[in-house]
Amino acid sequence: MRARTTAPVRRAGAACVIGILALANAPAHGQAPRAEDDRAAEHARDAFGIRIGAEQIGLYNESQVRGFSLQDAGNYRFNDSYFVRSAGVVDSVVSSVVTRVGYNALEADFAAPSGIVTFRLRSPFEAPRLHTEVALRDYGGQFLDIRLAQTSVDSRLAGLVGGQMLRARTSSGLAPNYYRFGSVVEWRPANGIKTIGFASLNIFDLEGTYGVSLRGNALPPPMRHPQRYVPGWSDHDGADLNLGLLTSAAVGGGVELSGSLVHSRLNLKEADFTQFIVDGSGVGRAVTISNRPRVNQSWSASAGASWRAAPNQRLYAELRGRQTRNRFAPAVSVEVGSVDLAYPLPPVAEPDLTPAPSTLDSIDQLSAGVGYEGTFGRLRLKGGVQKSRHRRHIDAPERPTQAATQIPWLYDASIAFAAGRRLTLFASATRGLEESGAAPETAANRYELLPPAIATQQELGFRGGLTEGLALIGSLFSIRKPAPGFDANNHFGLSGELRHRGAELSLVGALAPRLRIVSGAVLLDATRSGEPVKTGAWSREAVGVARFQSMAGLTYSVPGLEGLSLDGQLNHATSRRVRSSGDLRTPPLTTTDIGLRHAFRLGAFDAAVRARLLNLFDADGWIASRSEQLDRPSRRAFRLSLTLSH
């Protein structure tokens, strides 16, 4: 395992502490607190998922939206621009990550069946000149965040640079390190013209990952906390890189042009994964899968135009292209031997990863689409049609070249009707080509990309304003796409059909002048059909999907103590099927988080102290995943941060 670079983190943290102590002795100016509240709950438009920094609220996130993974589907946007994501994006350049489904997805041109994840880039024009956060993270982890922003004298050019260092700790006793850097430059040469360039780099040094699969018909006891479940030499190291350029221009006559170019690249130097196969007593065997270096990278570009032919009508068109290249070599499996989850992993020799021939998995895609949006009194109509050409080419050692091409027609259509001053009814239908993700580490074809799949979605819903500041959103939806799963040879692929039908509700807004709520619930029927279900190889019910989920978050501003607010969040999910065979399920899981935030002036700075206690009652157990793995919930943890902005 590589030596850990901790000295720079300690020096930077010490410098920040000294600076904070100096500021504490500076004279206060007495102004009202102006620090922006960066809690996700304060920025949520619905209960379907938003993340700001380390804080997440809502029913969904990138890995779970209506029972599907948008990380697999690949439906990503930078602001409103299409891009293909191969690597993670750092928070130094991103102000929020928003999951868009239902009513709030109607705004998107060329909507996607499973929903959209939007990364909102920070605007250096709106950012504070200096932003610093020093934090204590889960289980004693340490976090430092610094951002600087500057605007030119003529207010046409602005830039932002930032860096983060996280010495994390996990509930399984691991100590990953992250070093993150980012920059955003924004140029506004004239009214209606804007160009944004950004760079995002995340260097990560983890200690490997692990998973648990089950044999037998009983769940094992909960895992010990904290306890190391990977070999001493295990690693998961590499770097995420994203570079992008976005531009838009209003050129007159109701015409707007836009374009984007984004490069996303993951360099994975080491990736060790330990697989536990245990019975109901937690006893069994383990295998560590040690991967050779691999590279996933993509280029994506778009060029769009829209014409507002009349104040209430708009025509739009877009051309999208992508090039994805994933290169990887065979992994080496190391038999650990007998294990018991009640005890640490026994010592095992590190394998010698000699060079090996690699496989190149290539995807080239080109899509062209046109659309129309019109408002006629209370009625709004929107629809688009696309033609896409998707070609995949696999060059593997000692195997014939594989190639497949799909050229489907895709569409999206929606209608919204303002039935009253505060009530809007809507309906939508979408047909899209979505990625299917990759085979999990436990599959015989681990990391192999699955073919893209045609997905369809139909939705019927409403948005109602209960008061001026309180909105209720509800919908019924149905999504269909090919179903992923294991065959008799442990090969993970697509077979049969997966259908998710559900009903969801979101209530967001002010219950009272000082009390804000973000709450939601979803009832989901996730079923599979096709030959594997007919033969009994697969269960009809999908694996790893909760039938019911709910959450509620409250924020209360304390009267008489300006700047102080209290908050709490409750999350609940019902049981999940563990695997395709048998009827074993994980138990329901309910977690509670509480916190407070105090905004105040500290010298020349707007300051805020934030404290949170996550999983207050230390709920533990197992969570079943779609890949038939068992995961553990994060145990009780405390976070404390001080933020300074100027």
Foldseek 3Di string as FASTA:
>chain_A
DDDDDCVVVVVVLVVVVVVQVVLQPFDFPPDFFDDDDLAPQVVDPWQCWKDFPPHIGHDDDQQAFLRHHVLQQQQEEAAQHDDGAPFDFDNQFFGMKDWDDDPRQVVHDQADFRTHIYTYTDDLLPAFQWKWKWKQWWPRKTKIKIKGKDADPVRFKIKMKMWMWIQDAFFQGWTKIKIKIKMKIWGHPDPFKIKIKMKIKIWIKTQAEEFEFEDEFAAADFFDTHHHADAPNGIWTWMKIKIKMKIKGDPDQQKIKIKMKMKIKIKTQWHKYKYHYYYRHQKDWIKIKIFHIKMKMKIKMKIKMKGDNDPFKMKMKMKIKMKIKIKGDHIDMFTQTIDGSHHYRDHGDDDDDDDDDIKIKIKIKIKIKMKMWGDDPQKIKIKMKMWMKIKIWMDDPPDDIDIDIDTDIWMKIKMWGPPDPFKIKMKMKTKDWTWRAFADPQAPRHRHTAHIKIKMKIKIWMWGDPDPWKIKIKMWMKMKIFDWAQDPRRHIYTFFMKMKTKMKMWIWGDPDPFKTKTKMKMAIFIFTDHDCCVVQVFPGGAFQDFRMKIKMKMKGDDPPQRQKIKMKMKIKTAWGQLGRDDRHIWGIDMFMKIWMKGWDTRNPWTKMKIKMWTRVVQDWTWGHHRHSIIDIDGGITIMIMMMTGD
